[in-house]
Amino acid sequence: MVGNKPAHDPTNKNRIKNVLTWAVNNLHQKINTYDLANRAFLTRSTFDRHFRETMQTSPHAWLTKVRLEKAQSLLASSNVSIETVARSCGYVSALSLRISFKKQLGLTPGQFRKLQ
């Protein structure tokens, strides 16, 4: 027990789940860990701890993964510009998408698109 609540409070899992759903539906916005914590009505450090317990990764790593998955989907299924893909996934520019894409996946968005 922590205070009056069990160590694995199901309400925190529900908060995390609700925040994840919101984030996936709003990836086009600039979202950071503080935004997610505020949506969960938790401090950033408490949110980070519960998020890691629930998802086995950090909020930042999860956001990057989800953004890149959406970018891959858009690149594979549409002909919209890479700039448009970047903004649709919450990146400020095509360059920031390119840097993240290359770092995480080993190729650029343009190279990925050509392989599809």
C-alpha atoms as a PDB file:
ATOM      1  CA  MET A   1       0.000   0.000   0.000  1.00  0.00           C
ATOM      2  CA  VAL A   2       1.068   3.548  -0.746  1.00  0.00           C
ATOM      3  CA  GLY A   3      -0.991   5.904   1.398  1.00  0.00           C
ATOM      4  CA  ASN A   4      -4.603   4.713   0.981  1.00  0.00           C
ATOM      5  CA  LYS A   5      -4.024   3.203  -2.460  1.00  0.00           C
ATOM      6  CA  PRO A   6      -2.522  -0.103  -3.511  1.00  0.00           C
ATOM      7  CA  ALA A   7       0.901   0.129  -5.181  1.00  0.00           C
ATOM      8  CA  HIS A   8      -0.641  -0.839  -8.531  1.00  0.00           C
ATOM      9  CA  ASP A   9      -3.658   1.435  -8.540  1.00  0.00           C
ATOM     10  CA  PRO A  10      -5.988   0.492 -11.426  1.00  0.00           C
ATOM     11  CA  THR A  11      -7.134   4.101 -11.722  1.00  0.00           C
ATOM     12  CA  ASN A  12      -3.609   5.058 -12.792  1.00  0.00           C
ATOM     13  CA  LYS A  13      -3.669   2.350 -15.484  1.00  0.00           C
ATOM     14  CA  ASN A  14      -6.973   3.755 -16.700  1.00  0.00           C
ATOM     15  CA  ARG A  15      -5.507   7.248 -16.729  1.00  0.00           C
ATOM     16  CA  ILE A  16      -2.546   6.032 -18.782  1.00  0.00           C
ATOM     17  CA  LYS A  17      -4.859   4.173 -21.173  1.00  0.00           C
ATOM     18  CA  ASN A  18      -7.030   7.257 -21.672  1.00  0.00           C
ATOM     19  CA  VAL A  19      -3.985   9.448 -22.266  1.00  0.00           C
ATOM     20  CA  LEU A  20      -2.584   6.982 -24.828  1.00  0.00           C
ATOM     21  CA  THR A  21      -5.867   6.989 -26.716  1.00  0.00           C
ATOM     22  CA  TRP A  22      -5.938  10.784 -26.707  1.00  0.00           C
ATOM     23  CA  ALA A  23      -2.302  10.996 -27.859  1.00  0.00           C
ATOM     24  CA  VAL A  24      -2.805   8.579 -30.770  1.00  0.00           C
ATOM     25  CA  ASN A  25      -5.826  10.597 -31.903  1.00  0.00           C
ATOM     26  CA  ASN A  26      -3.926  13.882 -31.605  1.00  0.00           C
ATOM     27  CA  LEU A  27      -0.467  13.070 -32.960  1.00  0.00           C
ATOM     28  CA  HIS A  28      -0.706  16.032 -35.321  1.00  0.00           C
ATOM     29  CA  GLN A  29      -0.330  18.271 -32.264  1.00  0.00           C
ATOM     30  CA  LYS A  30       2.958  18.983 -30.568  1.00  0.00           C
ATOM     31  CA  ILE A  31       2.695  16.640 -27.581  1.00  0.00           C
ATOM     32  CA  ASN A  32       5.317  16.119 -24.903  1.00  0.00           C
ATOM     33  CA  THR A  33       5.559  14.253 -21.602  1.00  0.00           C
ATOM     34  CA  TYR A  34       4.273  17.250 -19.643  1.00  0.00           C
ATOM     35  CA  ASP A  35       1.157  17.393 -21.836  1.00  0.00           C
ATOM     36  CA  LEU A  36       0.515  13.690 -21.247  1.00  0.00           C
ATOM     37  CA  ALA A  37       1.017  14.065 -17.495  1.00  0.00           C
ATOM     38  CA  ASN A  38      -1.382  17.013 -17.372  1.00  0.00           C
ATOM     39  CA  ARG A  39      -4.000  15.001 -19.266  1.00  0.00           C
ATOM     40  CA  ALA A  40      -3.640  12.239 -16.673  1.00  0.00           C
ATOM     41  CA  PHE A  41      -3.900  14.769 -13.805  1.00  0.00           C
ATOM     42  CA  LEU A  42      -0.513  13.615 -12.508  1.00  0.00           C
ATOM     43  CA  THR A  43       2.816  15.296 -11.989  1.00  0.00           C
ATOM     44  CA  ARG A  44       5.337  14.586 -14.725  1.00  0.00           C
ATOM     45  CA  SER A  45       7.457  12.386 -12.475  1.00  0.00           C
ATOM     46  CA  THR A  46       4.479  10.391 -11.183  1.00  0.00           C
ATOM     47  CA  PHE A  47       3.133  10.014 -14.713  1.00  0.00           C
ATOM     48  CA  ASP A  48       6.533   8.884 -15.950  1.00  0.00           C
ATOM     49  CA  ARG A  49       6.769   6.248 -13.226  1.00  0.00           C
ATOM     50  CA  HIS A  50       3.264   4.869 -13.853  1.00  0.00           C
ATOM     51  CA  PHE A  51       3.760   5.009 -17.607  1.00  0.00           C
ATOM     52  CA  ARG A  52       6.981   2.991 -17.370  1.00  0.00           C
ATOM     53  CA  GLU A  53       5.295   0.433 -15.088  1.00  0.00           C
ATOM     54  CA  THR A  54       2.391   0.064 -17.510  1.00  0.00           C
ATOM     55  CA  MET A  55       4.115   0.319 -20.897  1.00  0.00           C
ATOM     56  CA  GLN A  56       7.657  -0.898 -20.119  1.00  0.00           C
ATOM     57  CA  THR A  57       9.086   2.156 -21.902  1.00  0.00           C
ATOM     58  CA  SER A  58       9.345   5.900 -21.400  1.00  0.00           C
ATOM     59  CA  PRO A  59       6.625   8.291 -22.572  1.00  0.00           C
ATOM     60  CA  HIS A  60       9.094   9.945 -24.967  1.00  0.00           C
ATOM     61  CA  ALA A  61      10.141   6.617 -26.507  1.00  0.00           C
ATOM     62  CA  TRP A  62       6.488   5.595 -26.855  1.00  0.00           C
ATOM     63  CA  LEU A  63       5.571   8.886 -28.552  1.00  0.00           C
ATOM     64  CA  THR A  64       8.491   8.524 -30.961  1.00  0.00           C
ATOM     65  CA  LYS A  65       7.473   4.954 -31.793  1.00  0.00           C
ATOM     66  CA  VAL A  66       3.826   5.868 -32.400  1.00  0.00           C
ATOM     67  CA  ARG A  67       4.753   8.917 -34.481  1.00  0.00           C
ATOM     68  CA  LEU A  68       7.101   6.865 -36.645  1.00  0.00           C
ATOM     69  CA  GLU A  69       4.486   4.127 -37.103  1.00  0.00           C
ATOM     70  CA  LYS A  70       2.003   6.739 -38.307  1.00  0.00           C
ATOM     71  CA  ALA A  71       4.639   8.277 -40.594  1.00  0.00           C
ATOM     72  CA  GLN A  72       5.418   4.863 -42.077  1.00  0.00           C
ATOM     73  CA  SER A  73       1.741   4.247 -42.709  1.00  0.00           C
ATOM     74  CA  LEU A  74       1.270   7.628 -44.397  1.00  0.00           C
ATOM     75  CA  LEU A  75       4.419   7.230 -46.488  1.00  0.00           C
ATOM     76  CA  ALA A  76       3.335   3.771 -47.648  1.00  0.00           C
ATOM     77  CA  SER A  77      -0.297   4.622 -48.361  1.00  0.00           C
ATOM     78  CA  SER A  78      -0.261   8.145 -49.785  1.00  0.00           C
ATOM     79  CA  ASN A  79       1.651  10.522 -52.009  1.00  0.00           C
ATOM     80  CA  VAL A  80       1.461  13.504 -49.656  1.00  0.00           C
ATOM     81  CA  SER A  81       4.680  15.423 -49.169  1.00  0.00           C
ATOM     82  CA  ILE A  82       7.113  14.408 -46.468  1.00  0.00           C
ATOM     83  CA  GLU A  83       6.539  17.834 -44.887  1.00  0.00           C
ATOM     84  CA  THR A  84       2.812  17.032 -44.640  1.00  0.00           C
ATOM     85  CA  VAL A  85       3.582  13.606 -43.198  1.00  0.00           C
ATOM     86  CA  ALA A  86       5.887  15.223 -40.638  1.00  0.00           C
ATOM     87  CA  ARG A  87       3.284  17.727 -39.487  1.00  0.00           C
ATOM     88  CA  SER A  88       0.569  15.033 -39.395  1.00  0.00           C
ATOM     89  CA  CYS A  89       2.728  13.070 -36.972  1.00  0.00           C
ATOM     90  CA  GLY A  90       3.611  15.941 -34.644  1.00  0.00           C
ATOM     91  CA  TYR A  91       7.018  16.844 -36.042  1.00  0.00           C
ATOM     92  CA  VAL A  92       7.781  20.526 -36.561  1.00  0.00           C
ATOM     93  CA  SER A  93       9.362  19.932 -39.966  1.00  0.00           C
ATOM     94  CA  ALA A  94      10.368  17.340 -42.526  1.00  0.00           C
ATOM     95  CA  LEU A  95      13.924  17.669 -41.218  1.00  0.00           C
ATOM     96  CA  SER A  96      12.958  16.674 -37.673  1.00  0.00           C
ATOM     97  CA  LEU A  97      11.034  13.679 -39.063  1.00  0.00           C
ATOM     98  CA  ARG A  98      14.023  12.752 -41.222  1.00  0.00           C
ATOM     99  CA  ILE A  99      16.412  12.863 -38.251  1.00  0.00           C
ATOM    100  CA  SER A 100      14.129  10.730 -36.066  1.00  0.00           C
ATOM    101  CA  PHE A 101      13.331   8.325 -38.913  1.00  0.00           C
ATOM    102  CA  LYS A 102      17.001   7.827 -39.781  1.00  0.00           C
ATOM    103  CA  LYS A 103      18.036   7.398 -36.146  1.00  0.00           C
ATOM    104  CA  GLN A 104      15.299   4.884 -35.316  1.00  0.00           C
ATOM    105  CA  LEU A 105      14.874   3.028 -38.615  1.00  0.00           C
ATOM    106  CA  GLY A 106      18.183   3.462 -40.403  1.00  0.00           C
ATOM    107  CA  LEU A 107      16.795   5.129 -43.511  1.00  0.00           C
ATOM    108  CA  THR A 108      15.179   8.408 -44.506  1.00  0.00           C
ATOM    109  CA  PRO A 109      11.451   8.846 -45.113  1.00  0.00           C
ATOM    110  CA  GLY A 110      12.173   9.205 -48.852  1.00  0.00           C
ATOM    111  CA  GLN A 111      14.158   5.958 -48.901  1.00  0.00           C
ATOM    112  CA  PHE A 112      11.395   4.213 -46.970  1.00  0.00           C
ATOM    113  CA  ARG A 113       8.769   5.442 -49.442  1.00  0.00           C
ATOM    114  CA  LYS A 114      10.769   4.186 -52.430  1.00  0.00           C
ATOM    115  CA  LEU A 115      10.904   0.716 -50.896  1.00  0.00           C
ATOM    116  CA  GLN A 116       7.125   0.516 -50.623  1.00  0.00           C
END
